[in-house]
């Protein structure tokens, strides 16, 4: 299993409205989904679910503004957002370390994955991109378990 906190390479996906050209049309997932606004919206949808979840809500601060911004920033950087704003502001992602202070067992991981899956599926992505996101989030949910 790959480390979900590492960088992602370009995905050979044509830019919206264009047909793929040989090797020169590869864009990052970040570009294929429309950039940072996609990740901001994904994080908002995810945390809307968390806000109502009896298993996950106690693990988060009362105000979900910062966690939403951090998640969007991390995901944008991971999926090819380039400039590394998340790492500049927060340092290396170190996902397991950042989550060690919280008990993340099977119930928490399943609830987290359920909300993230719903957030991804509601985005209306092409199947190939949706599958890639869901594969990553399944691996991340397993990676973050510590109980």
N, C-alpha and C. Protein backbone atom coordinates (compact mmCIF):
# COMPACT_ATOMS: atom_id res chain seq x y z
N UNK A 1 0.86 -1.17 0.00
CA UNK A 1 0.00 0.00 0.00
C UNK A 1 0.90 1.23 0.00
N UNK A 2 0.60 2.22 -0.81
CA UNK A 2 1.40 3.43 -0.85
C UNK A 2 1.06 4.32 0.33
N UNK A 3 2.01 5.18 0.68
CA UNK A 3 1.82 6.10 1.79
C UNK A 3 0.88 7.21 1.34
N UNK A 4 -0.30 7.33 1.95
CA UNK A 4 -1.26 8.33 1.51
C UNK A 4 -0.81 9.75 1.77
N UNK A 5 0.30 9.98 2.48
CA UNK A 5 0.73 11.35 2.73
C UNK A 5 1.73 11.82 1.70
N UNK A 6 2.10 10.98 0.75
CA UNK A 6 3.11 11.35 -0.23
C UNK A 6 2.53 12.06 -1.43
N UNK A 7 3.41 12.57 -2.31
CA UNK A 7 2.94 13.30 -3.48
C UNK A 7 2.32 12.39 -4.53
N UNK A 8 1.52 12.96 -5.37
CA UNK A 8 0.87 12.23 -6.46
C UNK A 8 1.41 12.73 -7.78
N UNK A 9 1.69 11.83 -8.65
CA UNK A 9 2.18 12.20 -9.97
C UNK A 9 1.05 12.54 -10.91
N UNK A 10 1.41 12.99 -12.11
CA UNK A 10 0.37 13.35 -13.07
C UNK A 10 -0.43 12.14 -13.50
N UNK A 11 -1.68 12.38 -13.77
CA UNK A 11 -2.57 11.33 -14.24
C UNK A 11 -2.89 11.63 -15.69
N UNK A 12 -2.78 10.65 -16.58
CA UNK A 12 -3.06 10.93 -17.97
C UNK A 12 -4.56 11.11 -18.22
N UNK A 13 -5.04 12.29 -17.92
CA UNK A 13 -6.44 12.63 -18.08
C UNK A 13 -6.49 13.85 -18.99
N UNK A 14 -7.32 13.83 -20.00
CA UNK A 14 -7.38 15.01 -20.86
C UNK A 14 -7.96 16.20 -20.11
N UNK A 15 -7.47 17.37 -20.44
CA UNK A 15 -8.04 18.59 -19.87
C UNK A 15 -9.50 18.66 -20.28
N UNK A 16 -10.37 19.25 -19.45
CA UNK A 16 -11.79 19.31 -19.81
C UNK A 16 -12.01 19.89 -21.21
N UNK A 17 -12.82 19.21 -21.99
CA UNK A 17 -13.14 19.67 -23.32
C UNK A 17 -12.12 19.34 -24.39
N UNK A 18 -11.08 18.60 -24.02
CA UNK A 18 -10.04 18.27 -24.98
C UNK A 18 -9.85 16.77 -25.07
N UNK A 19 -9.39 16.33 -26.22
CA UNK A 19 -9.05 14.92 -26.40
C UNK A 19 -7.59 14.73 -26.04
N UNK A 20 -7.24 13.55 -25.50
CA UNK A 20 -5.84 13.35 -25.12
C UNK A 20 -4.93 13.35 -26.34
N UNK A 21 -3.79 13.96 -26.17
CA UNK A 21 -2.73 13.91 -27.17
C UNK A 21 -1.63 13.04 -26.62
N UNK A 22 -0.80 12.47 -27.46
CA UNK A 22 0.25 11.57 -26.98
C UNK A 22 1.17 12.24 -25.97
N UNK A 23 1.19 11.74 -24.75
CA UNK A 23 2.06 12.09 -23.64
C UNK A 23 2.11 13.56 -23.26
N UNK A 24 1.73 14.48 -24.10
CA UNK A 24 1.83 15.89 -23.75
C UNK A 24 0.57 16.42 -23.08
N UNK A 25 -0.51 15.65 -23.07
CA UNK A 25 -1.75 16.15 -22.51
C UNK A 25 -1.98 15.71 -21.07
N UNK A 26 -1.02 15.00 -20.46
CA UNK A 26 -1.20 14.55 -19.09
C UNK A 26 -1.31 15.76 -18.17
N UNK A 27 -2.36 15.75 -17.37
CA UNK A 27 -2.56 16.81 -16.39
C UNK A 27 -2.64 16.16 -15.03
N UNK A 28 -2.41 16.92 -14.01
CA UNK A 28 -2.55 16.38 -12.66
C UNK A 28 -4.03 16.21 -12.36
N UNK A 29 -4.31 15.42 -11.35
CA UNK A 29 -5.69 15.29 -10.89
C UNK A 29 -6.20 16.66 -10.46
N UNK A 30 -5.35 17.43 -9.82
CA UNK A 30 -5.70 18.79 -9.39
C UNK A 30 -6.26 19.59 -10.57
N UNK A 31 -5.58 19.54 -11.70
CA UNK A 31 -6.03 20.27 -12.89
C UNK A 31 -7.30 19.65 -13.47
N UNK A 32 -7.36 18.32 -13.48
CA UNK A 32 -8.50 17.63 -14.09
C UNK A 32 -9.81 17.93 -13.37
N UNK A 33 -9.76 18.18 -12.06
CA UNK A 33 -10.98 18.45 -11.31
C UNK A 33 -11.30 19.93 -11.20
N UNK A 34 -10.46 20.77 -11.75
CA UNK A 34 -10.74 22.20 -11.75
C UNK A 34 -10.00 23.01 -10.70
N UNK A 35 -9.00 22.41 -10.06
CA UNK A 35 -8.17 23.16 -9.13
C UNK A 35 -8.70 23.23 -7.72
N UNK A 36 -8.20 24.20 -6.98
CA UNK A 36 -8.47 24.34 -5.55
C UNK A 36 -9.96 24.42 -5.22
N UNK A 37 -10.79 25.07 -6.03
CA UNK A 37 -12.22 25.12 -5.66
C UNK A 37 -12.84 23.74 -5.48
N UNK A 38 -12.41 22.75 -6.26
CA UNK A 38 -12.93 21.40 -6.09
C UNK A 38 -12.61 20.87 -4.70
N UNK A 39 -11.38 21.05 -4.26
CA UNK A 39 -10.96 20.51 -2.96
C UNK A 39 -11.60 21.27 -1.80
N UNK A 40 -11.81 22.57 -1.97
CA UNK A 40 -12.54 23.33 -0.95
C UNK A 40 -13.96 22.79 -0.80
N UNK A 41 -14.62 22.56 -1.93
CA UNK A 41 -16.00 22.04 -1.89
C UNK A 41 -16.04 20.62 -1.34
N UNK A 42 -15.07 19.78 -1.72
CA UNK A 42 -15.00 18.41 -1.20
C UNK A 42 -14.87 18.42 0.32
N UNK A 43 -13.98 19.24 0.83
CA UNK A 43 -13.77 19.32 2.28
C UNK A 43 -15.03 19.84 2.99
N UNK A 44 -15.70 20.82 2.39
CA UNK A 44 -16.95 21.32 3.00
C UNK A 44 -18.01 20.23 3.06
N UNK A 45 -18.15 19.46 1.97
CA UNK A 45 -19.15 18.38 1.97
C UNK A 45 -18.79 17.32 3.01
N UNK A 46 -17.51 16.97 3.09
CA UNK A 46 -17.07 15.98 4.06
C UNK A 46 -17.40 16.44 5.48
N UNK A 47 -17.02 17.67 5.82
CA UNK A 47 -17.24 18.15 7.19
C UNK A 47 -18.70 18.41 7.50
N UNK A 48 -19.53 18.63 6.49
CA UNK A 48 -20.97 18.72 6.73
C UNK A 48 -21.48 17.39 7.28
N UNK A 49 -20.95 16.30 6.76
CA UNK A 49 -21.32 14.97 7.28
C UNK A 49 -20.75 14.73 8.67
N UNK A 50 -19.49 15.10 8.87
CA UNK A 50 -18.84 14.92 10.17
C UNK A 50 -19.60 15.69 11.25
N UNK A 51 -20.06 16.88 10.91
CA UNK A 51 -20.76 17.72 11.90
C UNK A 51 -21.99 17.04 12.48
N UNK A 52 -22.57 16.11 11.74
CA UNK A 52 -23.78 15.43 12.19
C UNK A 52 -23.51 14.00 12.68
N UNK A 53 -22.27 13.59 12.70
CA UNK A 53 -21.94 12.19 12.99
C UNK A 53 -21.61 11.98 14.47
N UNK A 54 -22.36 11.12 15.16
CA UNK A 54 -22.13 10.92 16.60
C UNK A 54 -20.79 10.23 16.91
N UNK A 55 -20.23 9.49 15.97
CA UNK A 55 -18.94 8.83 16.20
C UNK A 55 -17.79 9.80 15.99
N UNK A 56 -17.85 10.59 14.93
CA UNK A 56 -16.74 11.47 14.57
C UNK A 56 -16.77 12.85 15.21
N UNK A 57 -17.96 13.40 15.41
CA UNK A 57 -18.05 14.79 15.87
C UNK A 57 -17.24 15.06 17.13
N UNK A 58 -17.23 14.16 18.11
CA UNK A 58 -16.46 14.44 19.33
C UNK A 58 -14.95 14.53 19.11
N UNK A 59 -14.46 14.05 17.98
CA UNK A 59 -13.02 14.06 17.72
C UNK A 59 -12.53 15.40 17.16
N UNK A 60 -13.45 16.26 16.78
CA UNK A 60 -13.10 17.51 16.11
C UNK A 60 -13.42 18.70 16.99
N UNK A 61 -12.74 19.84 16.74
CA UNK A 61 -13.07 21.05 17.51
C UNK A 61 -14.47 21.54 17.17
N UNK A 62 -15.00 22.39 18.03
CA UNK A 62 -16.35 22.92 17.82
C UNK A 62 -16.45 23.63 16.47
N UNK A 63 -15.46 24.45 16.16
CA UNK A 63 -15.45 25.18 14.89
C UNK A 63 -14.66 24.37 13.86
N UNK A 64 -15.32 23.97 12.80
CA UNK A 64 -14.69 23.12 11.78
C UNK A 64 -14.03 23.91 10.65
N UNK A 65 -13.93 25.22 10.82
CA UNK A 65 -13.36 26.06 9.76
C UNK A 65 -11.91 25.68 9.46
N UNK A 66 -11.08 25.62 10.47
CA UNK A 66 -9.66 25.30 10.26
C UNK A 66 -9.47 23.87 9.74
N UNK A 67 -10.10 22.86 10.35
CA UNK A 67 -9.94 21.52 9.79
C UNK A 67 -10.38 21.43 8.32
N UNK A 68 -11.42 22.16 7.97
CA UNK A 68 -11.89 22.15 6.58
C UNK A 68 -10.83 22.75 5.66
N UNK A 69 -10.25 23.86 6.08
CA UNK A 69 -9.21 24.52 5.29
C UNK A 69 -7.97 23.64 5.19
N UNK A 70 -7.59 23.00 6.29
CA UNK A 70 -6.40 22.15 6.28
C UNK A 70 -6.60 20.93 5.38
N UNK A 71 -7.77 20.31 5.46
CA UNK A 71 -8.04 19.15 4.61
C UNK A 71 -8.01 19.55 3.15
N UNK A 72 -8.66 20.63 2.79
CA UNK A 72 -8.66 21.08 1.40
C UNK A 72 -7.25 21.38 0.93
N UNK A 73 -6.47 22.03 1.75
CA UNK A 73 -5.09 22.36 1.39
C UNK A 73 -4.23 21.12 1.22
N UNK A 74 -4.37 20.18 2.14
CA UNK A 74 -3.60 18.94 2.03
C UNK A 74 -3.96 18.20 0.75
N UNK A 75 -5.26 18.03 0.52
CA UNK A 75 -5.69 17.28 -0.67
C UNK A 75 -5.28 17.98 -1.96
N UNK A 76 -5.39 19.29 -2.00
CA UNK A 76 -4.98 20.04 -3.20
C UNK A 76 -3.49 19.82 -3.46
N UNK A 77 -2.69 19.88 -2.41
CA UNK A 77 -1.25 19.66 -2.57
C UNK A 77 -0.96 18.22 -3.00
N UNK A 78 -1.58 17.27 -2.33
CA UNK A 78 -1.35 15.85 -2.64
C UNK A 78 -1.68 15.53 -4.09
N UNK A 79 -2.80 16.05 -4.57
CA UNK A 79 -3.27 15.72 -5.91
C UNK A 79 -2.67 16.61 -6.99
N UNK A 80 -1.59 17.30 -6.68
CA UNK A 80 -0.86 18.01 -7.73
C UNK A 80 -1.05 19.49 -7.75
N UNK A 81 -1.48 20.09 -6.64
CA UNK A 81 -1.68 21.53 -6.59
C UNK A 81 -0.41 22.32 -6.63
N UNK A 82 0.71 21.65 -6.54
CA UNK A 82 1.99 22.26 -6.86
C UNK A 82 2.68 23.07 -5.80
N UNK A 83 2.16 24.20 -5.44
CA UNK A 83 2.93 25.16 -4.67
C UNK A 83 3.24 24.72 -3.24
N UNK A 84 2.58 23.74 -2.74
CA UNK A 84 2.88 23.23 -1.40
C UNK A 84 2.46 24.16 -0.29
N UNK A 85 1.37 24.90 -0.49
CA UNK A 85 0.91 25.81 0.56
C UNK A 85 0.66 25.09 1.88
N UNK A 86 0.10 23.90 1.81
CA UNK A 86 -0.17 23.16 3.03
C UNK A 86 1.12 22.91 3.80
N UNK A 87 2.14 22.41 3.12
CA UNK A 87 3.41 22.11 3.78
C UNK A 87 4.10 23.37 4.29
N UNK A 88 3.99 24.46 3.57
CA UNK A 88 4.58 25.72 4.02
C UNK A 88 3.91 26.15 5.33
N UNK A 89 2.60 26.04 5.39
CA UNK A 89 1.86 26.49 6.57
C UNK A 89 1.92 25.48 7.72
N UNK A 90 1.81 24.19 7.41
CA UNK A 90 1.64 23.18 8.46
C UNK A 90 2.82 22.21 8.59
N UNK A 91 3.78 22.28 7.69
CA UNK A 91 4.88 21.33 7.72
C UNK A 91 4.52 20.05 6.97
N UNK A 92 5.38 19.06 7.06
CA UNK A 92 5.13 17.78 6.39
C UNK A 92 3.80 17.22 6.87
N UNK A 93 3.00 16.64 5.96
CA UNK A 93 1.68 16.14 6.37
C UNK A 93 1.69 15.17 7.55
N UNK A 94 2.61 14.22 7.61
CA UNK A 94 2.70 13.28 8.74
C UNK A 94 1.32 12.88 9.25
N UNK A 95 0.53 12.31 8.35
CA UNK A 95 -0.88 12.03 8.69
C UNK A 95 -1.05 11.16 9.92
N UNK A 96 -0.31 10.08 10.02
CA UNK A 96 -0.46 9.21 11.21
C UNK A 96 -0.11 9.97 12.48
N UNK A 97 0.99 10.71 12.45
CA UNK A 97 1.41 11.45 13.64
C UNK A 97 0.36 12.49 14.04
N UNK A 98 -0.19 13.21 13.07
CA UNK A 98 -1.18 14.25 13.38
C UNK A 98 -2.46 13.66 13.98
N UNK A 99 -2.73 12.41 13.71
CA UNK A 99 -3.96 11.79 14.18
C UNK A 99 -3.76 10.87 15.38
N UNK A 100 -2.53 10.71 15.86
CA UNK A 100 -2.26 9.81 16.98
C UNK A 100 -2.95 10.23 18.27
N UNK A 101 -3.23 11.49 18.44
CA UNK A 101 -3.89 11.96 19.66
C UNK A 101 -5.36 11.61 19.72
N UNK A 102 -5.87 11.00 18.66
CA UNK A 102 -7.28 10.63 18.58
C UNK A 102 -7.39 9.13 18.40
N UNK A 103 -8.32 8.52 19.09
CA UNK A 103 -8.54 7.09 18.91
C UNK A 103 -9.27 6.88 17.59
N UNK A 104 -8.58 6.25 16.66
CA UNK A 104 -9.16 5.96 15.35
C UNK A 104 -9.18 4.44 15.19
N UNK A 105 -10.32 3.88 15.56
CA UNK A 105 -10.52 2.44 15.41
C UNK A 105 -11.37 2.15 14.19
N UNK A 106 -11.89 0.95 14.15
CA UNK A 106 -12.70 0.53 13.00
C UNK A 106 -13.93 1.42 12.81
N UNK A 107 -14.65 1.72 13.90
CA UNK A 107 -15.87 2.53 13.78
C UNK A 107 -15.56 3.92 13.25
N UNK A 108 -14.49 4.53 13.78
CA UNK A 108 -14.13 5.88 13.34
C UNK A 108 -13.66 5.88 11.88
N UNK A 109 -12.84 4.89 11.53
CA UNK A 109 -12.34 4.80 10.15
C UNK A 109 -13.48 4.58 9.17
N UNK A 110 -14.42 3.72 9.53
CA UNK A 110 -15.56 3.46 8.64
C UNK A 110 -16.45 4.69 8.50
N UNK A 111 -16.68 5.40 9.61
CA UNK A 111 -17.49 6.62 9.55
C UNK A 111 -16.79 7.68 8.70
N UNK A 112 -15.49 7.84 8.91
CA UNK A 112 -14.71 8.81 8.13
C UNK A 112 -14.78 8.48 6.64
N UNK A 113 -14.55 7.21 6.33
CA UNK A 113 -14.59 6.79 4.92
C UNK A 113 -15.99 6.96 4.33
N UNK A 114 -17.01 6.69 5.10
CA UNK A 114 -18.37 6.87 4.61
C UNK A 114 -18.66 8.31 4.23
N UNK A 115 -18.26 9.25 5.06
CA UNK A 115 -18.49 10.67 4.75
C UNK A 115 -17.63 11.12 3.58
N UNK A 116 -16.39 10.62 3.52
CA UNK A 116 -15.52 11.02 2.41
C UNK A 116 -16.04 10.42 1.10
N UNK A 117 -16.50 9.18 1.15
CA UNK A 117 -17.06 8.55 -0.05
C UNK A 117 -18.28 9.33 -0.55
N UNK A 118 -19.15 9.72 0.36
CA UNK A 118 -20.33 10.50 -0.03
C UNK A 118 -19.91 11.84 -0.63
N UNK A 119 -18.91 12.48 -0.04
CA UNK A 119 -18.44 13.77 -0.56
C UNK A 119 -17.87 13.61 -1.97
N UNK A 120 -17.11 12.55 -2.20
CA UNK A 120 -16.53 12.31 -3.52
C UNK A 120 -17.63 11.98 -4.53
N UNK A 121 -18.52 11.07 -4.16
CA UNK A 121 -19.56 10.65 -5.11
C UNK A 121 -20.50 11.80 -5.48
N UNK A 122 -20.71 12.72 -4.59
CA UNK A 122 -21.61 13.84 -4.90
C UNK A 122 -20.95 14.89 -5.78
N UNK A 123 -19.67 14.72 -6.07
CA UNK A 123 -18.94 15.70 -6.90
C UNK A 123 -19.24 15.55 -8.38
N UNK A 124 -19.79 14.40 -8.79
CA UNK A 124 -20.09 14.19 -10.20
C UNK A 124 -18.87 14.03 -11.08
N UNK A 125 -17.83 13.44 -10.54
CA UNK A 125 -16.59 13.22 -11.29
C UNK A 125 -16.75 12.11 -12.32
N UNK A 126 -15.93 12.14 -13.36
CA UNK A 126 -15.86 10.97 -14.25
C UNK A 126 -15.45 9.75 -13.44
N UNK A 127 -15.94 8.59 -13.84
CA UNK A 127 -15.72 7.36 -13.07
C UNK A 127 -14.25 7.10 -12.76
N UNK A 128 -13.36 7.32 -13.73
CA UNK A 128 -11.93 7.07 -13.52
C UNK A 128 -11.37 7.92 -12.37
N UNK A 129 -11.76 9.19 -12.34
CA UNK A 129 -11.29 10.07 -11.26
C UNK A 129 -11.94 9.69 -9.93
N UNK A 130 -13.24 9.43 -9.95
CA UNK A 130 -13.92 9.03 -8.72
C UNK A 130 -13.26 7.78 -8.13
N UNK A 131 -13.00 6.80 -8.96
CA UNK A 131 -12.36 5.57 -8.49
C UNK A 131 -10.98 5.85 -7.89
N UNK A 132 -10.25 6.73 -8.51
CA UNK A 132 -8.90 7.05 -8.01
C UNK A 132 -8.98 7.71 -6.64
N UNK A 133 -9.91 8.65 -6.49
CA UNK A 133 -10.10 9.28 -5.18
C UNK A 133 -10.51 8.26 -4.13
N UNK A 134 -11.48 7.42 -4.45
CA UNK A 134 -11.98 6.46 -3.47
C UNK A 134 -10.91 5.44 -3.09
N UNK A 135 -10.10 5.03 -4.03
CA UNK A 135 -8.99 4.11 -3.72
C UNK A 135 -8.03 4.77 -2.72
N UNK A 136 -7.71 6.01 -2.96
CA UNK A 136 -6.83 6.74 -2.06
C UNK A 136 -7.44 6.85 -0.66
N UNK A 137 -8.72 7.24 -0.59
CA UNK A 137 -9.35 7.43 0.71
C UNK A 137 -9.53 6.12 1.47
N UNK A 138 -9.76 5.01 0.76
CA UNK A 138 -9.80 3.70 1.45
C UNK A 138 -8.45 3.40 2.08
N UNK A 139 -7.38 3.65 1.35
CA UNK A 139 -6.03 3.42 1.89
C UNK A 139 -5.75 4.35 3.07
N UNK A 140 -6.17 5.60 2.96
CA UNK A 140 -5.95 6.57 4.03
C UNK A 140 -6.69 6.15 5.31
N UNK A 141 -7.92 5.69 5.16
CA UNK A 141 -8.70 5.27 6.33
C UNK A 141 -8.00 4.12 7.06
N UNK A 142 -7.45 3.18 6.32
CA UNK A 142 -6.70 2.08 6.93
C UNK A 142 -5.41 2.58 7.58
N UNK A 143 -4.72 3.47 6.88
CA UNK A 143 -3.44 4.01 7.34
C UNK A 143 -3.58 4.76 8.66
N UNK A 144 -4.69 5.43 8.86
CA UNK A 144 -4.87 6.27 10.05
C UNK A 144 -5.38 5.52 11.28
N UNK A 145 -5.77 4.29 11.10
CA UNK A 145 -6.24 3.51 12.26
C UNK A 145 -5.11 3.32 13.25
N UNK A 146 -5.43 3.54 14.51
CA UNK A 146 -4.42 3.38 15.56
C UNK A 146 -4.98 2.70 16.81
N UNK A 147 -6.19 2.22 16.72
CA UNK A 147 -6.80 1.55 17.87
C UNK A 147 -7.49 0.26 17.43
